Amino acid sequence: MTGVELFLGGVAALAVLSVIVKARAGVKRARVAAEIARVGTSPVSLLGRVLMTAGGIVGAQWLVITYAVGNTTLLLAVLAAPALIAAYSLTRAMTVMQLGPTARRGGGRR
């Protein structure tokens, strides 16, 4: 082999290695972005969903209390079911979710 062939082979090997390193970095970046998108819920979005749910609950309760005041079972169901939904929404809104680093410790490869 001549020196030019060795040089071109080295450049080709370096190019392949560079592509592999960039591909692995892109995969890591995509994983991090997917994880952030999965758990990253903005407080404004959550507040909007809570307010929309509350509006639906109030509307349903108003309708039943206004038009079906004689039906005790329906009245209790309309008051109890939204209380459960509101409790779930508030619990979810008040729960703090934090995503920590996912780096492995120990230095071993898997």
PDB file of N, CA and C in Angstrom:
ATOM      1  N   MET A   1       0.845  -1.186   0.000  1.00  0.00           N
ATOM      2  CA  MET A   1       0.000   0.000   0.000  1.00  0.00           C
ATOM      3  C   MET A   1       0.886   1.243   0.000  1.00  0.00           C
ATOM      4  N   THR A   2       0.404   2.209  -0.713  1.00  0.00           N
ATOM      5  CA  THR A   2       1.154   3.456  -0.782  1.00  0.00           C
ATOM      6  C   THR A   2       0.718   4.371   0.352  1.00  0.00           C
ATOM      7  N   GLY A   3       1.429   5.418   0.534  1.00  0.00           N
ATOM      8  CA  GLY A   3       1.114   6.383   1.584  1.00  0.00           C
ATOM      9  C   GLY A   3      -0.212   7.085   1.343  1.00  0.00           C
ATOM     10  N   VAL A   4      -0.557   7.321   0.100  1.00  0.00           N
ATOM     11  CA  VAL A   4      -1.819   7.975  -0.238  1.00  0.00           C
ATOM     12  C   VAL A   4      -2.986   7.068   0.119  1.00  0.00           C
ATOM     13  N   GLU A   5      -2.857   5.770  -0.177  1.00  0.00           N
ATOM     14  CA  GLU A   5      -3.921   4.832   0.155  1.00  0.00           C
ATOM     15  C   GLU A   5      -4.119   4.728   1.665  1.00  0.00           C
ATOM     16  N   LEU A   6      -3.027   4.688   2.405  1.00  0.00           N
ATOM     17  CA  LEU A   6      -3.124   4.651   3.869  1.00  0.00           C
ATOM     18  C   LEU A   6      -3.783   5.921   4.411  1.00  0.00           C
ATOM     19  N   PHE A   7      -3.415   7.062   3.842  1.00  0.00           N
ATOM     20  CA  PHE A   7      -4.006   8.330   4.269  1.00  0.00           C
ATOM     21  C   PHE A   7      -5.505   8.348   3.998  1.00  0.00           C
ATOM     22  N   LEU A   8      -5.922   7.931   2.796  1.00  0.00           N
ATOM     23  CA  LEU A   8      -7.338   7.911   2.442  1.00  0.00           C
ATOM     24  C   LEU A   8      -8.112   6.912   3.308  1.00  0.00           C
ATOM     25  N   GLY A   9      -7.497   5.774   3.617  1.00  0.00           N
ATOM     26  CA  GLY A   9      -8.127   4.795   4.504  1.00  0.00           C
ATOM     27  C   GLY A   9      -8.309   5.362   5.909  1.00  0.00           C
ATOM     28  N   GLY A  10      -7.327   6.088   6.386  1.00  0.00           N
ATOM     29  CA  GLY A  10      -7.427   6.733   7.706  1.00  0.00           C
ATOM     30  C   GLY A  10      -8.506   7.797   7.730  1.00  0.00           C
ATOM     31  N   VAL A  11      -8.607   8.583   6.671  1.00  0.00           N
ATOM     32  CA  VAL A  11      -9.652   9.605   6.582  1.00  0.00           C
ATOM     33  C   VAL A  11     -11.030   8.948   6.545  1.00  0.00           C
ATOM     34  N   ALA A  12     -11.169   7.851   5.792  1.00  0.00           N
ATOM     35  CA  ALA A  12     -12.451   7.142   5.718  1.00  0.00           C
ATOM     36  C   ALA A  12     -12.827   6.559   7.081  1.00  0.00           C
ATOM     37  N   ALA A  13     -11.852   5.988   7.785  1.00  0.00           N
ATOM     38  CA  ALA A  13     -12.118   5.443   9.118  1.00  0.00           C
ATOM     39  C   ALA A  13     -12.519   6.547  10.083  1.00  0.00           C
ATOM     40  N   LEU A  14     -11.883   7.679   9.995  1.00  0.00           N
ATOM     41  CA  LEU A  14     -12.229   8.818  10.848  1.00  0.00           C
ATOM     42  C   LEU A  14     -13.631   9.328  10.536  1.00  0.00           C
ATOM     43  N   ALA A  15     -14.004   9.340   9.265  1.00  0.00           N
ATOM     44  CA  ALA A  15     -15.346   9.784   8.874  1.00  0.00           C
ATOM     45  C   ALA A  15     -16.401   8.827   9.421  1.00  0.00           C
ATOM     46  N   VAL A  16     -16.161   7.523   9.318  1.00  0.00           N
ATOM     47  CA  VAL A  16     -17.110   6.541   9.848  1.00  0.00           C
ATOM     48  C   VAL A  16     -17.236   6.685  11.361  1.00  0.00           C
ATOM     49  N   LEU A  17     -16.127   6.839  12.046  1.00  0.00           N
ATOM     50  CA  LEU A  17     -16.137   7.024  13.496  1.00  0.00           C
ATOM     51  C   LEU A  17     -16.895   8.295  13.880  1.00  0.00           C
ATOM     52  N   SER A  18     -16.701   9.354  13.114  1.00  0.00           N
ATOM     53  CA  SER A  18     -17.400  10.604  13.383  1.00  0.00           C
ATOM     54  C   SER A  18     -18.907  10.444  13.220  1.00  0.00           C
ATOM     55  N   VAL A  19     -19.342   9.731  12.194  1.00  0.00           N
ATOM     56  CA  VAL A  19     -20.770   9.493  11.976  1.00  0.00           C
ATOM     57  C   VAL A  19     -21.355   8.683  13.128  1.00  0.00           C
ATOM     58  N   ILE A  20     -20.635   7.673  13.590  1.00  0.00           N
ATOM     59  CA  ILE A  20     -21.113   6.848  14.700  1.00  0.00           C
ATOM     60  C   ILE A  20     -21.254   7.672  15.971  1.00  0.00           C
ATOM     61  N   VAL A  21     -20.270   8.500  16.270  1.00  0.00           N
ATOM     62  CA  VAL A  21     -20.323   9.339  17.476  1.00  0.00           C
ATOM     63  C   VAL A  21     -21.485  10.323  17.395  1.00  0.00           C
ATOM     64  N   LYS A  22     -21.675  10.946  16.243  1.00  0.00           N
ATOM     65  CA  LYS A  22     -22.782  11.897  16.095  1.00  0.00           C
ATOM     66  C   LYS A  22     -24.132  11.200  16.196  1.00  0.00           C
ATOM     67  N   ALA A  23     -24.244  10.001  15.656  1.00  0.00           N
ATOM     68  CA  ALA A  23     -25.505   9.259  15.728  1.00  0.00           C
ATOM     69  C   ALA A  23     -25.834   8.909  17.181  1.00  0.00           C
ATOM     70  N   ARG A  24     -24.839   8.484  17.940  1.00  0.00           N
ATOM     71  CA  ARG A  24     -25.078   8.150  19.351  1.00  0.00           C
ATOM     72  C   ARG A  24     -25.471   9.391  20.138  1.00  0.00           C
ATOM     73  N   ALA A  25     -24.841  10.520  19.854  1.00  0.00           N
ATOM     74  CA  ALA A  25     -25.197  11.762  20.549  1.00  0.00           C
ATOM     75  C   ALA A  25     -26.618  12.178  20.193  1.00  0.00           C
ATOM     76  N   GLY A  26     -27.013  11.990  18.941  1.00  0.00           N
ATOM     77  CA  GLY A  26     -28.379  12.321  18.522  1.00  0.00           C
ATOM     78  C   GLY A  26     -29.408  11.442  19.206  1.00  0.00           C
ATOM     79  N   VAL A  27     -29.095  10.170  19.378  1.00  0.00           N
ATOM     80  CA  VAL A  27     -30.009   9.257  20.061  1.00  0.00           C
ATOM     81  C   VAL A  27     -30.157   9.664  21.522  1.00  0.00           C
ATOM     82  N   LYS A  28     -29.050  10.016  22.162  1.00  0.00           N
ATOM     83  CA  LYS A  28     -29.112  10.451  23.566  1.00  0.00           C
ATOM     84  C   LYS A  28     -29.945  11.717  23.696  1.00  0.00           C
ATOM     85  N   ARG A  29     -29.743  12.661  22.783  1.00  0.00           N
ATOM     86  CA  ARG A  29     -30.514  13.901  22.813  1.00  0.00           C
ATOM     87  C   ARG A  29     -32.003  13.631  22.609  1.00  0.00           C
ATOM     88  N   ALA A  30     -32.315  12.715  21.710  1.00  0.00           N
ATOM     89  CA  ALA A  30     -33.716  12.369  21.456  1.00  0.00           C
ATOM     90  C   ALA A  30     -34.343  11.711  22.676  1.00  0.00           C
ATOM     91  N   ARG A  31     -33.597  10.862  23.375  1.00  0.00           N
ATOM     92  CA  ARG A  31     -34.112  10.236  24.589  1.00  0.00           C
ATOM     93  C   ARG A  31     -34.408  11.275  25.662  1.00  0.00           C
ATOM     94  N   VAL A  32     -33.489  12.204  25.841  1.00  0.00           N
ATOM     95  CA  VAL A  32     -33.685  13.257  26.844  1.00  0.00           C
ATOM     96  C   VAL A  32     -34.893  14.111  26.479  1.00  0.00           C
ATOM     97  N   ALA A  33     -35.024  14.471  25.224  1.00  0.00           N
ATOM     98  CA  ALA A  33     -36.167  15.285  24.790  1.00  0.00           C
ATOM     99  C   ALA A  33     -37.482  14.534  24.988  1.00  0.00           C
ATOM    100  N   ALA A  34     -37.489  13.242  24.698  1.00  0.00           N
ATOM    101  CA  ALA A  34     -38.704  12.449  24.893  1.00  0.00           C
ATOM    102  C   ALA A  34     -39.067  12.347  26.369  1.00  0.00           C
ATOM    103  N   GLU A  35     -38.070  12.203  27.218  1.00  0.00           N
ATOM    104  CA  GLU A  35     -38.322  12.117  28.661  1.00  0.00           C
ATOM    105  C   GLU A  35     -38.860  13.437  29.201  1.00  0.00           C
ATOM    106  N   ILE A  36     -38.314  14.545  28.738  1.00  0.00           N
ATOM    107  CA  ILE A  36     -38.799  15.855  29.174  1.00  0.00           C
ATOM    108  C   ILE A  36     -40.226  16.077  28.684  1.00  0.00           C
ATOM    109  N   ALA A  37     -40.512  15.687  27.453  1.00  0.00           N
ATOM    110  CA  ALA A  37     -41.865  15.846  26.924  1.00  0.00           C
ATOM    111  C   ALA A  37     -42.858  14.970  27.671  1.00  0.00           C
ATOM    112  N   ARG A  38     -42.395  13.807  28.133  1.00  0.00           N
ATOM    113  CA  ARG A  38     -43.290  12.899  28.841  1.00  0.00           C
ATOM    114  C   ARG A  38     -43.682  13.447  30.199  1.00  0.00           C
ATOM    115  N   VAL A  39     -42.745  14.018  30.938  1.00  0.00           N
ATOM    116  CA  VAL A  39     -43.060  14.483  32.285  1.00  0.00           C
ATOM    117  C   VAL A  39     -43.199  15.992  32.388  1.00  0.00           C
ATOM    118  N   GLY A  40     -42.790  16.715  31.414  1.00  0.00           N
ATOM    119  CA  GLY A  40     -42.825  18.173  31.501  1.00  0.00           C
ATOM    120  C   GLY A  40     -44.201  18.721  31.204  1.00  0.00           C
ATOM    121  N   THR A  41     -44.981  18.961  32.236  1.00  0.00           N
ATOM    122  CA  THR A  41     -46.293  19.572  32.077  1.00  0.00           C
ATOM    123  C   THR A  41     -46.212  20.957  32.692  1.00  0.00           C
ATOM    124  N   SER A  42     -46.505  21.953  31.897  1.00  0.00           N
ATOM    125  CA  SER A  42     -46.394  23.308  32.424  1.00  0.00           C
ATOM    126  C   SER A  42     -47.543  23.597  33.378  1.00  0.00           C
ATOM    127  N   PRO A  43     -47.294  24.387  34.402  1.00  0.00           N
ATOM    128  CA  PRO A  43     -48.352  24.725  35.358  1.00  0.00           C
ATOM    129  C   PRO A  43     -49.534  25.442  34.704  1.00  0.00           C
ATOM    130  N   VAL A  44     -49.283  26.226  33.666  1.00  0.00           N
ATOM    131  CA  VAL A  44     -50.363  26.952  32.995  1.00  0.00           C
ATOM    132  C   VAL A  44     -51.304  25.957  32.304  1.00  0.00           C
ATOM    133  N   SER A  45     -50.731  24.959  31.658  1.00  0.00           N
ATOM    134  CA  SER A  45     -51.541  23.947  30.993  1.00  0.00           C
ATOM    135  C   SER A  45     -52.357  23.164  32.014  1.00  0.00           C
ATOM    136  N   LEU A  46     -51.747  22.810  33.116  1.00  0.00           N
ATOM    137  CA  LEU A  46     -52.441  22.071  34.162  1.00  0.00           C
ATOM    138  C   LEU A  46     -53.557  22.910  34.771  1.00  0.00           C
ATOM    139  N   LEU A  47     -53.299  24.187  34.996  1.00  0.00           N
ATOM    140  CA  LEU A  47     -54.313  25.089  35.541  1.00  0.00           C
ATOM    141  C   LEU A  47     -55.501  25.200  34.573  1.00  0.00           C
ATOM    142  N   GLY A  48     -55.211  25.277  33.292  1.00  0.00           N
ATOM    143  CA  GLY A  48     -56.284  25.352  32.301  1.00  0.00           C
ATOM    144  C   GLY A  48     -57.164  24.113  32.320  1.00  0.00           C
ATOM    145  N   ARG A  49     -56.536  22.934  32.433  1.00  0.00           N
ATOM    146  CA  ARG A  49     -57.319  21.703  32.485  1.00  0.00           C
ATOM    147  C   ARG A  49     -58.156  21.630  33.751  1.00  0.00           C
ATOM    148  N   VAL A  50     -57.595  22.071  34.874  1.00  0.00           N
ATOM    149  CA  VAL A  50     -58.342  22.062  36.137  1.00  0.00           C
ATOM    150  C   VAL A  50     -59.537  23.006  36.050  1.00  0.00           C
ATOM    151  N   LEU A  51     -59.343  24.184  35.473  1.00  0.00           N
ATOM    152  CA  LEU A  51     -60.435  25.150  35.358  1.00  0.00           C
ATOM    153  C   LEU A  51     -61.523  24.657  34.398  1.00  0.00           C
ATOM    154  N   MET A  52     -61.122  24.014  33.307  1.00  0.00           N
ATOM    155  CA  MET A  52     -62.122  23.466  32.377  1.00  0.00           C
ATOM    156  C   MET A  52     -62.920  22.345  33.034  1.00  0.00           C
ATOM    157  N   THR A  53     -62.256  21.495  33.793  1.00  0.00           N
ATOM    158  CA  THR A  53     -62.956  20.424  34.500  1.00  0.00           C
ATOM    159  C   THR A  53     -63.916  21.001  35.533  1.00  0.00           C
ATOM    160  N   ALA A  54     -63.462  22.002  36.255  1.00  0.00           N
ATOM    161  CA  ALA A  54     -64.325  22.640  37.258  1.00  0.00           C
ATOM    162  C   ALA A  54     -65.541  23.275  36.596  1.00  0.00           C
ATOM    163  N   GLY A  55     -65.352  23.900  35.448  1.00  0.00           N
ATOM    164  CA  GLY A  55     -66.482  24.494  34.736  1.00  0.00           C
ATOM    165  C   GLY A  55     -67.502  23.451  34.303  1.00  0.00           C
ATOM    166  N   GLY A  56     -67.029  22.312  33.822  1.00  0.00           N
ATOM    167  CA  GLY A  56     -67.933  21.227  33.454  1.00  0.00           C
ATOM    168  C   GLY A  56     -68.684  20.673  34.652  1.00  0.00           C
ATOM    169  N   ILE A  57     -67.992  20.542  35.772  1.00  0.00           N
ATOM    170  CA  ILE A  57     -68.622  20.051  36.998  1.00  0.00           C
ATOM    171  C   ILE A  57     -69.713  21.006  37.473  1.00  0.00           C
ATOM    172  N   VAL A  58     -69.384  22.278  37.511  1.00  0.00           N
ATOM    173  CA  VAL A  58     -70.355  23.277  37.973  1.00  0.00           C
ATOM    174  C   VAL A  58     -71.570  23.310  37.052  1.00  0.00           C
ATOM    175  N   GLY A  59     -71.343  23.219  35.748  1.00  0.00           N
ATOM    176  CA  GLY A  59     -72.459  23.219  34.802  1.00  0.00           C
ATOM    177  C   GLY A  59     -73.379  22.025  34.989  1.00  0.00           C
ATOM    178  N   ALA A  60     -72.797  20.834  35.158  1.00  0.00           N
ATOM    179  CA  ALA A  60     -73.606  19.636  35.363  1.00  0.00           C
ATOM    180  C   ALA A  60     -74.376  19.717  36.677  1.00  0.00           C
ATOM    181  N   GLN A  61     -73.730  20.180  37.723  1.00  0.00           N
ATOM    182  CA  GLN A  61     -74.413  20.303  39.012  1.00  0.00           C
ATOM    183  C   GLN A  61     -75.546  21.322  38.935  1.00  0.00           C
ATOM    184  N   TRP A  62     -75.333  22.418  38.281  1.00  0.00           N
ATOM    185  CA  TRP A  62     -76.359  23.450  38.159  1.00  0.00           C
ATOM    186  C   TRP A  62     -77.590  22.901  37.430  1.00  0.00           C
ATOM    187  N   LEU A  63     -77.341  22.151  36.339  1.00  0.00           N
ATOM    188  CA  LEU A  63     -78.457  21.576  35.592  1.00  0.00           C
ATOM    189  C   LEU A  63     -79.284  20.618  36.445  1.00  0.00           C
ATOM    190  N   VAL A  64     -78.605  19.728  37.164  1.00  0.00           N
ATOM    191  CA  VAL A  64     -79.338  18.744  37.964  1.00  0.00           C
ATOM    192  C   VAL A  64     -80.048  19.406  39.138  1.00  0.00           C
ATOM    193  N   ILE A  65     -79.391  20.325  39.814  1.00  0.00           N
ATOM    194  CA  ILE A  65     -80.021  20.983  40.963  1.00  0.00           C
ATOM    195  C   ILE A  65     -81.219  21.815  40.505  1.00  0.00           C
ATOM    196  N   THR A  66     -81.127  22.422  39.341  1.00  0.00           N
ATOM    197  CA  THR A  66     -82.215  23.261  38.837  1.00  0.00           C
ATOM    198  C   THR A  66     -83.397  22.446  38.335  1.00  0.00           C
ATOM    199  N   TYR A  67     -83.125  21.382  37.562  1.00  0.00           N
ATOM    200  CA  TYR A  67     -84.208  20.683  36.882  1.00  0.00           C
ATOM    201  C   TYR A  67     -84.608  19.339  37.502  1.00  0.00           C
ATOM    202  N   ALA A  68     -83.797  18.727  38.347  1.00  0.00           N
ATOM    203  CA  ALA A  68     -84.132  17.425  38.919  1.00  0.00           C
ATOM    204  C   ALA A  68     -84.003  17.465  40.441  1.00  0.00           C
ATOM    205  N   VAL A  69     -84.541  18.486  41.030  1.00  0.00           N
ATOM    206  CA  VAL A  69     -84.387  18.682  42.465  1.00  0.00           C
ATOM    207  C   VAL A  69     -85.116  17.610  43.279  1.00  0.00           C
ATOM    208  N   GLY A  70     -86.124  16.943  42.718  1.00  0.00           N
ATOM    209  CA  GLY A  70     -86.878  15.930  43.453  1.00  0.00           C
ATOM    210  C   GLY A  70     -86.194  14.570  43.483  1.00  0.00           C
ATOM    211  N   ASN A  71     -85.232  14.317  42.610  1.00  0.00           N
ATOM    212  CA  ASN A  71     -84.554  13.019  42.540  1.00  0.00           C
ATOM    213  C   ASN A  71     -83.322  13.040  43.444  1.00  0.00           C
ATOM    214  N   THR A  72     -83.435  12.457  44.637  1.00  0.00           N
ATOM    215  CA  THR A  72     -82.352  12.504  45.620  1.00  0.00           C
ATOM    216  C   THR A  72     -81.132  11.706  45.166  1.00  0.00           C
ATOM    217  N   THR A  73     -81.347  10.552  44.552  1.00  0.00           N
ATOM    218  CA  THR A  73     -80.225   9.711  44.099  1.00  0.00           C
ATOM    219  C   THR A  73     -79.403  10.437  43.039  1.00  0.00           C
ATOM    220  N   LEU A  74     -80.071  11.034  42.085  1.00  0.00           N
ATOM    221  CA  LEU A  74     -79.368  11.781  41.043  1.00  0.00           C
ATOM    222  C   LEU A  74     -78.629  12.972  41.638  1.00  0.00           C
ATOM    223  N   LEU A  75     -79.260  13.636  42.598  1.00  0.00           N
ATOM    224  CA  LEU A  75     -78.620  14.776  43.251  1.00  0.00           C
ATOM    225  C   LEU A  75     -77.349  14.347  43.980  1.00  0.00           C
ATOM    226  N   LEU A  76     -77.396  13.247  44.711  1.00  0.00           N
ATOM    227  CA  LEU A  76     -76.205  12.752  45.421  1.00  0.00           C
ATOM    228  C   LEU A  76     -75.111  12.318  44.440  1.00  0.00           C
ATOM    229  N   ALA A  77     -75.500  11.656  43.364  1.00  0.00           N
ATOM    230  CA  ALA A  77     -74.513  11.222  42.376  1.00  0.00           C
ATOM    231  C   ALA A  77     -73.836  12.413  41.719  1.00  0.00           C
ATOM    232  N   VAL A  78     -74.630  13.422  41.425  1.00  0.00           N
ATOM    233  CA  VAL A  78     -74.075  14.608  40.768  1.00  0.00           C
ATOM    234  C   VAL A  78     -73.160  15.395  41.708  1.00  0.00           C
ATOM    235  N   LEU A  79     -73.395  15.316  42.989  1.00  0.00           N
ATOM    236  CA  LEU A  79     -72.525  16.010  43.937  1.00  0.00           C
ATOM    237  C   LEU A  79     -71.307  15.165  44.334  1.00  0.00           C
ATOM    238  N   ALA A  80     -71.429  13.843  44.372  1.00  0.00           N
ATOM    239  CA  ALA A  80     -70.328  12.984  44.817  1.00  0.00           C
ATOM    240  C   ALA A  80     -69.309  12.712  43.709  1.00  0.00           C
ATOM    241  N   ALA A  81     -69.758  12.402  42.511  1.00  0.00           N
ATOM    242  CA  ALA A  81     -68.829  12.067  41.422  1.00  0.00           C
ATOM    243  C   ALA A  81     -67.876  13.220  41.103  1.00  0.00           C
ATOM    244  N   PRO A  82     -68.366  14.447  40.981  1.00  0.00           N
ATOM    245  CA  PRO A  82     -67.433  15.543  40.723  1.00  0.00           C
ATOM    246  C   PRO A  82     -66.467  15.804  41.881  1.00  0.00           C
ATOM    247  N   ALA A  83     -66.887  15.481  43.082  1.00  0.00           N
ATOM    248  CA  ALA A  83     -65.972  15.642  44.207  1.00  0.00           C
ATOM    249  C   ALA A  83     -64.774  14.706  44.049  1.00  0.00           C
ATOM    250  N   LEU A  84     -65.021  13.508  43.574  1.00  0.00           N
ATOM    251  CA  LEU A  84     -63.919  12.577  43.328  1.00  0.00           C
ATOM    252  C   LEU A  84     -63.008  13.079  42.210  1.00  0.00           C
ATOM    253  N   ILE A  85     -63.605  13.588  41.145  1.00  0.00           N
ATOM    254  CA  ILE A  85     -62.806  14.122  40.031  1.00  0.00           C
ATOM    255  C   ILE A  85     -61.986  15.328  40.489  1.00  0.00           C
ATOM    256  N   ALA A  86     -62.597  16.201  41.274  1.00  0.00           N
ATOM    257  CA  ALA A  86     -61.884  17.380  41.770  1.00  0.00           C
ATOM    258  C   ALA A  86     -60.749  16.980  42.695  1.00  0.00           C
ATOM    259  N   ALA A  87     -60.995  15.982  43.537  1.00  0.00           N
ATOM    260  CA  ALA A  87     -59.938  15.522  44.435  1.00  0.00           C
ATOM    261  C   ALA A  87     -58.764  14.958  43.643  1.00  0.00           C
ATOM    262  N   TYR A  88     -59.058  14.199  42.598  1.00  0.00           N
ATOM    263  CA  TYR A  88     -58.005  13.653  41.748  1.00  0.00           C
ATOM    264  C   TYR A  88     -57.222  14.774  41.058  1.00  0.00           C
ATOM    265  N   SER A  89     -57.948  15.741  40.508  1.00  0.00           N
ATOM    266  CA  SER A  89     -57.291  16.854  39.809  1.00  0.00           C
ATOM    267  C   SER A  89     -56.415  17.663  40.745  1.00  0.00           C
ATOM    268  N   LEU A  90     -56.921  17.950  41.927  1.00  0.00           N
ATOM    269  CA  LEU A  90     -56.129  18.727  42.880  1.00  0.00           C
ATOM    270  C   LEU A  90     -54.913  17.946  43.367  1.00  0.00           C
ATOM    271  N   THR A  91     -55.090  16.659  43.596  1.00  0.00           N
ATOM    272  CA  THR A  91     -53.952  15.851  44.015  1.00  0.00           C
ATOM    273  C   THR A  91     -52.888  15.824  42.936  1.00  0.00           C
ATOM    274  N   ARG A  92     -53.308  15.686  41.698  1.00  0.00           N
ATOM    275  CA  ARG A  92     -52.352  15.683  40.588  1.00  0.00           C
ATOM    276  C   ARG A  92     -51.677  17.050  40.425  1.00  0.00           C
ATOM    277  N   ALA A  93     -52.438  18.120  40.617  1.00  0.00           N
ATOM    278  CA  ALA A  93     -51.875  19.460  40.471  1.00  0.00           C
ATOM    279  C   ALA A  93     -50.877  19.769  41.569  1.00  0.00           C
ATOM    280  N   MET A  94     -51.115  19.245  42.757  1.00  0.00           N
ATOM    281  CA  MET A  94     -50.228  19.540  43.883  1.00  0.00           C
ATOM    282  C   MET A  94     -49.036  18.590  43.976  1.00  0.00           C
ATOM    283  N   THR A  95     -49.056  17.516  43.215  1.00  0.00           N
ATOM    284  CA  THR A  95     -47.953  16.564  43.248  1.00  0.00           C
ATOM    285  C   THR A  95     -46.792  17.128  42.460  1.00  0.00           C
ATOM    286  N   VAL A  96     -45.622  17.163  43.087  1.00  0.00           N
ATOM    287  CA  VAL A  96     -44.431  17.678  42.432  1.00  0.00           C
ATOM    288  C   VAL A  96     -43.708  16.506  41.791  1.00  0.00           C
ATOM    289  N   MET A  97     -43.522  16.608  40.486  1.00  0.00           N
ATOM    290  CA  MET A  97     -42.781  15.569  39.767  1.00  0.00           C
ATOM    291  C   MET A  97     -41.478  16.182  39.312  1.00  0.00           C
ATOM    292  N   GLN A  98     -40.394  15.526  39.659  1.00  0.00           N
ATOM    293  CA  GLN A  98     -39.086  16.039  39.293  1.00  0.00           C
ATOM    294  C   GLN A  98     -38.324  14.931  38.595  1.00  0.00           C
ATOM    295  N   LEU A  99     -37.726  15.264  37.473  1.00  0.00           N
ATOM    296  CA  LEU A  99     -36.947  14.303  36.722  1.00  0.00           C
ATOM    297  C   LEU A  99     -35.486  14.517  37.050  1.00  0.00           C
ATOM    298  N   GLY A 100     -34.878  13.519  37.643  1.00  0.00           N
ATOM    299  CA  GLY A 100     -33.465  13.615  37.993  1.00  0.00           C
ATOM    300  C   GLY A 100     -32.600  13.032  36.886  1.00  0.00           C
ATOM    301  N   PRO A 101     -31.304  13.167  37.043  1.00  0.00           N
ATOM    302  CA  PRO A 101     -30.392  12.596  36.034  1.00  0.00           C
ATOM    303  C   PRO A 101     -30.493  11.077  36.039  1.00  0.00           C
ATOM    304  N   THR A 102     -30.360  10.489  34.850  1.00  0.00           N
ATOM    305  CA  THR A 102     -30.499   9.043  34.725  1.00  0.00           C
ATOM    306  C   THR A 102     -29.147   8.374  34.520  1.00  0.00           C
ATOM    307  N   ALA A 103     -28.073   9.051  34.877  1.00  0.00           N
ATOM    308  CA  ALA A 103     -26.743   8.487  34.677  1.00  0.00           C
ATOM    309  C   ALA A 103     -26.540   7.296  35.606  1.00  0.00           C
ATOM    310  N   ARG A 104     -25.912   6.266  35.048  1.00  0.00           N
ATOM    311  CA  ARG A 104     -25.615   5.079  35.850  1.00  0.00           C
ATOM    312  C   ARG A 104     -24.362   5.316  36.653  1.00  0.00           C
ATOM    313  N   ARG A 105     -24.318   4.685  37.791  1.00  0.00           N
ATOM    314  CA  ARG A 105     -23.129   4.781  38.635  1.00  0.00           C
ATOM    315  C   ARG A 105     -22.375   3.465  38.605  1.00  0.00           C
ATOM    316  N   GLY A 106     -21.121   3.509  38.871  1.00  0.00           N
ATOM    317  CA  GLY A 106     -20.341   2.300  38.921  1.00  0.00           C
ATOM    318  C   GLY A 106     -19.444   2.144  37.702  1.00  0.00           C
ATOM    319  N   GLY A 107     -19.751   2.847  36.642  1.00  0.00           N
ATOM    320  CA  GLY A 107     -18.875   2.847  35.464  1.00  0.00           C
ATOM    321  C   GLY A 107     -18.933   1.583  34.629  1.00  0.00           C
ATOM    322  N   GLY A 108     -19.755   0.623  34.978  1.00  0.00           N
ATOM    323  CA  GLY A 108     -19.812  -0.623  34.216  1.00  0.00           C
ATOM    324  C   GLY A 108     -20.655  -0.479  32.957  1.00  0.00           C
ATOM    325  N   ARG A 109     -20.317  -1.258  31.951  1.00  0.00           N
ATOM    326  CA  ARG A 109     -21.103  -1.256  30.715  1.00  0.00           C
ATOM    327  C   ARG A 109     -22.138  -2.357  30.795  1.00  0.00           C
ATOM    328  N   ARG A 110     -23.239  -2.152  30.121  1.00  0.00           N
ATOM    329  CA  ARG A 110     -24.285  -3.181  30.093  1.00  0.00           C
ATOM    330  C   ARG A 110     -24.378  -3.772  28.724  1.00  0.00           C
TER     331      ARG A 110
END
